[in-house]
Amino acid sequence: MKLAMYHNQVVVINSDNIQPVKGFNNLQEMLPHLNEEINLGQKESLPDSNDFSLPIQKPQQIFAVGFNYRDHMNELHTSAPKVPNIFTKFVSSLTGPNPTVKIPSPQTDWETELVIVIGDGGRNIKLTDTSKHIAGYMVGQDLSDRQLQFANSNPQFSLAKSYQNFSPIGPWLTTPDEIPDLTSLTITTEVNGQEKQHSQLGNLIFNPEKLVNYLSSITELFPGDLIFTGTPGGVGFGRNPKEFLQSGDQLVSKIDQLGQLTINMQ
């Protein structure tokens, strides 16, 4: 099932139409009830994907994982993590799938990522039970101001990745039953039509199940919490010479079967 926000209502996306979901004010409110019978309204024409808005508006927590692909770890000359390398992003940076983003510095970089959406929360979730707590997956873009991130000798992540509209997600939530093999899906980034990142989700060092298990062993997870799972190699900062986004660029983040984000830089 694919679920999105459209004109302030939750909708189910079918191959050629959408259907409003009755009884819920927003998608986050619906997450704990995904396994229950859903009351659907009349079918409507499938809108342009540009009309979908931010799927999860107010998560209590946004986690992000650093260096979760070996090629990204190598390009930034970082040693392999023993446990997931976690930082946070701030909720005020969230935006929908087709934003315009104002560039804060000449070193603004791209990072396309798989985003996990928590359905049922909890603590100490067993590895074998994690699938019961994952509501679905989305495409995410973890925009990064490298100038701020590396302003000190010890980098800081959270602020450098939390400017306004620096965390686009969407365009919809895809439930796990829609994806027979998550590891086979391709993740890519394009800047002005040129591919910059290309990998498979099977290359994640810590997969979604391990991340949910690890995070819940330390902090409680809540419905609607988001986990940005990390980006593959090919970021601008890791290139020689380095490449960064400029005003007028169009940034496209894609994951097979999960959709795409189209981001215009200003």
Protein backbone atom coordinates (compact mmCIF):
# COMPACT_ATOMS: atom_id res chain seq x y z
CA MET A 1 0.00 0.00 0.00
CA LYS A 2 1.16 3.50 -0.84
CA LEU A 3 -0.10 6.31 1.41
CA ALA A 4 0.27 10.03 0.87
CA MET A 5 -1.03 13.39 2.02
CA TYR A 6 -3.07 15.18 -0.64
CA HIS A 7 -5.04 18.38 0.02
CA ASN A 8 -4.80 17.83 3.79
CA GLN A 9 -6.20 14.30 3.67
CA VAL A 10 -4.70 10.83 3.77
CA VAL A 11 -5.05 8.97 0.47
CA VAL A 12 -4.25 5.51 -0.82
CA ILE A 13 -2.45 5.62 -4.16
CA ASN A 14 -3.54 3.03 -6.70
CA SER A 15 -2.14 2.49 -10.19
CA ASP A 16 -4.50 5.00 -11.82
CA ASN A 17 -6.40 6.72 -8.98
CA ILE A 18 -6.37 7.74 -5.35
CA GLN A 19 -8.88 7.05 -2.59
CA PRO A 20 -9.31 9.20 0.53
CA VAL A 21 -8.91 7.40 3.85
CA LYS A 22 -11.72 8.18 6.26
CA GLY A 23 -11.32 8.54 10.02
CA PHE A 24 -7.81 9.99 10.24
CA ASN A 25 -6.69 13.62 10.19
CA ASN A 26 -3.17 12.84 9.03
CA LEU A 27 -0.92 9.95 8.07
CA GLN A 28 1.01 9.94 11.34
CA GLU A 29 -2.24 9.38 13.27
CA MET A 30 -3.00 6.41 11.03
CA LEU A 31 0.34 4.59 11.44
CA PRO A 32 -0.57 2.38 14.46
CA HIS A 33 -3.71 1.24 12.59
CA LEU A 34 -2.19 0.09 9.29
CA ASN A 35 -3.06 -3.56 9.95
CA GLU A 36 -6.72 -2.74 10.62
CA GLU A 37 -9.52 -2.45 8.07
CA ILE A 38 -9.37 0.92 6.33
CA ASN A 39 -12.49 2.88 5.40
CA LEU A 40 -11.96 4.34 1.91
CA GLY A 41 -13.85 7.06 0.07
CA GLN A 42 -14.67 7.35 -3.60
CA LYS A 43 -11.93 7.00 -6.17
CA GLU A 44 -10.49 10.18 -7.64
CA SER A 45 -8.20 10.79 -10.59
CA LEU A 46 -4.54 10.24 -9.85
CA PRO A 47 -3.02 13.71 -9.31
CA ASP A 48 0.38 14.91 -10.42
CA SER A 49 3.02 13.78 -7.92
CA ASN A 50 3.87 17.46 -7.38
CA ASP A 51 0.55 17.78 -5.54
CA PHE A 52 1.53 15.42 -2.72
CA SER A 53 2.64 17.17 0.47
CA LEU A 54 4.79 16.29 3.49
CA PRO A 55 3.71 12.74 4.53
CA ILE A 56 4.82 12.81 8.18
CA GLN A 57 4.53 16.31 9.58
CA LYS A 58 5.48 16.16 13.25
CA PRO A 59 7.60 13.16 14.23
CA GLN A 60 8.81 13.22 17.80
CA GLN A 61 12.29 12.13 16.74
CA ILE A 62 14.39 12.12 13.58
CA PHE A 63 17.42 9.85 13.68
CA ALA A 64 20.10 9.73 11.02
CA VAL A 65 22.92 7.30 10.38
CA GLY A 66 26.39 8.33 9.31
CA PHE A 67 28.72 6.20 7.18
CA ASN A 68 26.31 3.33 6.57
CA TYR A 69 27.67 2.51 3.08
CA ARG A 70 31.30 1.44 2.70
CA ASP A 71 31.92 3.53 -0.42
CA HIS A 72 30.74 6.69 1.39
CA MET A 73 32.86 5.78 4.40
CA ASN A 74 35.89 5.34 2.13
CA GLU A 75 35.40 8.57 0.17
CA LEU A 76 35.38 10.56 3.44
CA HIS A 77 38.32 8.55 4.83
CA THR A 78 36.42 7.30 7.86
CA SER A 79 36.97 4.00 9.65
CA ALA A 80 34.24 1.38 9.67
CA PRO A 81 31.67 1.84 12.45
CA LYS A 82 31.42 -0.83 15.15
CA VAL A 83 27.86 0.21 15.94
CA PRO A 84 25.52 2.54 14.02
CA ASN A 85 26.86 6.09 13.96
CA ILE A 86 23.79 8.09 15.02
CA PHE A 87 23.03 11.80 14.96
CA THR A 88 19.74 13.69 14.85
CA LYS A 89 18.05 16.08 12.48
CA PHE A 90 15.62 18.73 13.70
CA VAL A 91 11.92 18.53 12.89
CA SER A 92 11.86 22.12 11.60
CA SER A 93 14.00 20.99 8.63
CA LEU A 94 11.31 18.64 7.27
CA THR A 95 9.57 19.43 4.01
CA GLY A 96 7.61 17.67 1.30
CA PRO A 97 8.82 15.93 -1.85
CA ASN A 98 9.10 18.92 -4.20
CA PRO A 99 10.56 21.88 -2.29
CA THR A 100 12.58 24.91 -3.23
CA VAL A 101 15.62 25.11 -0.95
CA LYS A 102 17.63 28.24 -0.31
CA ILE A 103 21.35 27.48 -0.31
CA PRO A 104 22.96 28.66 2.95
CA SER A 105 26.60 28.35 1.91
CA PRO A 106 28.72 27.60 -1.20
CA GLN A 107 29.37 24.10 0.19
CA THR A 108 25.84 22.67 0.19
CA ASP A 109 25.87 18.95 -0.62
CA TRP A 110 23.46 16.13 -1.51
CA GLU A 111 22.79 12.81 0.28
CA THR A 112 19.92 10.64 -0.97
CA GLU A 113 18.74 8.14 1.64
CA LEU A 114 16.18 5.48 2.47
CA VAL A 115 13.95 6.67 5.32
CA ILE A 116 12.31 4.26 7.75
CA VAL A 117 8.96 5.27 9.27
CA ILE A 118 8.12 3.79 12.67
CA GLY A 119 4.57 2.46 13.11
CA ASP A 120 4.30 0.83 16.54
CA GLY A 121 6.90 2.27 18.85
CA GLY A 122 8.56 0.74 21.87
CA ARG A 123 11.79 -0.03 23.68
CA ASN A 124 14.11 -3.01 23.40
CA ILE A 125 12.51 -4.28 20.20
CA LYS A 126 13.86 -7.72 19.37
CA LEU A 127 15.60 -8.11 16.04
CA THR A 128 13.06 -10.76 15.06
CA ASP A 129 10.18 -8.38 15.84
CA THR A 130 11.39 -5.25 14.07
CA SER A 131 9.20 -5.84 10.99
CA LYS A 132 6.14 -5.37 13.21
CA HIS A 133 7.34 -1.87 14.12
CA ILE A 134 8.24 -0.56 10.65
CA ALA A 135 5.23 1.15 9.06
CA GLY A 136 7.00 1.70 5.77
CA TYR A 137 9.68 3.42 3.74
CA MET A 138 10.18 6.72 1.93
CA VAL A 139 12.81 8.53 -0.09
CA GLY A 140 14.74 11.16 1.86
CA GLN A 141 17.33 13.79 1.07
CA ASP A 142 19.78 14.74 3.82
CA LEU A 143 21.04 18.07 2.52
CA SER A 144 24.27 19.10 4.23
CA ASP A 145 26.10 22.39 4.67
CA ARG A 146 29.69 21.14 4.68
CA GLN A 147 31.02 24.59 5.54
CA LEU A 148 29.17 24.53 8.87
CA GLN A 149 29.66 20.79 9.37
CA PHE A 150 33.46 21.10 9.23
CA ALA A 151 33.83 24.59 10.71
CA ASN A 152 35.55 23.05 13.75
CA SER A 153 38.20 20.35 13.87
CA ASN A 154 35.54 18.01 15.23
CA PRO A 155 32.59 18.06 12.79
CA GLN A 156 29.06 18.78 13.92
CA PHE A 157 26.27 17.08 12.03
CA SER A 158 22.82 18.00 13.36
CA LEU A 159 22.82 21.77 12.77
CA ALA A 160 24.61 21.50 9.44
CA LYS A 161 21.81 19.22 8.22
CA SER A 162 18.82 21.08 9.65
CA TYR A 163 18.40 24.35 7.77
CA GLN A 164 14.91 25.15 6.51
CA ASN A 165 13.75 22.50 3.97
CA PHE A 166 16.98 20.50 4.38
CA SER A 167 15.06 17.25 5.00
CA PRO A 168 12.68 16.53 2.11
CA ILE A 169 10.81 13.22 2.44
CA GLY A 170 8.15 11.39 0.43
CA PRO A 171 6.56 11.44 -1.98
CA TRP A 172 4.50 8.78 -0.19
CA LEU A 173 4.91 6.01 2.36
CA THR A 174 5.23 2.49 0.94
CA THR A 175 4.33 -0.31 3.34
CA PRO A 176 6.76 -3.26 3.58
CA ASP A 177 4.33 -5.74 2.01
CA GLU A 178 4.66 -3.80 -1.28
CA ILE A 179 8.40 -4.53 -1.46
CA PRO A 180 9.35 -8.19 -1.96
CA ASP A 181 13.10 -7.52 -1.71
CA LEU A 182 14.19 -4.18 -0.26
CA THR A 183 17.87 -5.01 -0.76
CA SER A 184 17.48 -5.14 -4.54
CA LEU A 185 16.20 -1.57 -4.88
CA THR A 186 18.45 1.00 -6.55
CA ILE A 187 19.07 4.39 -4.94
CA THR A 188 20.28 7.30 -7.10
CA THR A 189 20.94 11.02 -7.08
CA GLU A 190 20.89 13.28 -10.12
CA VAL A 191 21.96 16.91 -10.35
CA ASN A 192 20.73 18.66 -13.50
CA GLY A 193 20.20 15.26 -15.12
CA GLN A 194 23.69 13.92 -14.31
CA GLU A 195 23.87 10.89 -12.05
CA LYS A 196 26.00 11.50 -8.95
CA GLN A 197 25.10 8.56 -6.69
CA HIS A 198 24.12 5.00 -7.60
CA SER A 199 23.89 2.01 -5.28
CA GLN A 200 21.59 -0.73 -3.98
CA LEU A 201 19.94 -0.78 -0.57
CA GLY A 202 21.55 -4.17 -0.05
CA ASN A 203 24.84 -2.31 0.43
CA LEU A 204 23.71 -0.81 3.74
CA ILE A 205 26.10 -1.85 6.53
CA PHE A 206 23.31 -1.74 9.14
CA ASN A 207 19.97 -2.66 7.56
CA PRO A 208 16.58 -1.31 8.76
CA GLU A 209 16.00 -4.21 11.15
CA LYS A 210 19.36 -3.73 12.86
CA LEU A 211 18.83 0.03 13.13
CA VAL A 212 15.41 -0.30 14.76
CA ASN A 213 16.74 -2.95 17.14
CA TYR A 214 19.77 -0.82 18.07
CA LEU A 215 17.96 2.48 18.53
CA SER A 216 15.17 0.95 20.60
CA SER A 217 17.76 -0.61 22.92
CA ILE A 218 18.71 2.93 23.97
CA THR A 219 15.75 5.23 23.38
CA GLU A 220 12.01 4.73 23.07
CA LEU A 221 10.64 4.88 19.54
CA PHE A 222 7.29 6.53 18.77
CA PRO A 223 4.81 6.25 15.91
CA GLY A 224 5.94 8.54 13.10
CA ASP A 225 9.60 8.65 14.12
CA LEU A 226 11.91 8.78 11.11
CA ILE A 227 15.27 7.08 10.56
CA PHE A 228 17.44 8.41 7.71
CA THR A 229 19.53 5.31 7.04
CA GLY A 230 22.62 6.88 5.45
CA THR A 231 23.83 7.72 1.95
CA PRO A 232 26.00 5.85 -0.57
CA GLY A 233 29.21 7.15 -2.08
CA GLY A 234 29.18 9.95 -4.61
CA VAL A 235 28.51 12.99 -2.44
CA GLY A 236 29.99 16.27 -3.63
CA PHE A 237 32.35 16.61 -0.68
CA GLY A 238 33.96 13.26 -1.48
CA ARG A 239 34.72 14.11 -5.11
CA ASN A 240 38.01 15.35 -6.55
CA PRO A 241 37.58 18.19 -7.17
CA LYS A 242 34.71 18.75 -4.73
CA GLU A 243 31.30 19.59 -6.18
CA PHE A 244 28.49 21.50 -4.51
CA LEU A 245 24.98 22.60 -5.31
CA GLN A 246 24.38 26.02 -6.82
CA SER A 247 21.36 28.27 -7.22
CA GLY A 248 19.28 27.07 -10.17
CA ASP A 249 20.30 23.41 -9.82
CA GLN A 250 17.66 20.70 -9.80
CA LEU A 251 18.36 17.79 -7.47
CA VAL A 252 16.47 14.51 -7.96
CA SER A 253 16.56 11.71 -5.39
CA LYS A 254 15.14 8.32 -6.43
CA ILE A 255 14.66 4.85 -5.00
CA ASP A 256 13.07 2.11 -7.12
CA GLN A 257 9.41 1.50 -6.22
CA LEU A 258 9.48 4.26 -3.58
CA GLY A 259 9.28 7.29 -5.87
CA GLN A 260 11.38 10.40 -6.19
CA LEU A 261 11.98 13.84 -4.73
CA THR A 262 12.51 16.83 -7.01
CA ILE A 263 14.31 19.67 -5.26
CA ASN A 264 15.03 23.07 -6.80
CA MET A 265 17.94 24.98 -5.35
CA GLN A 266 17.71 28.72 -4.90
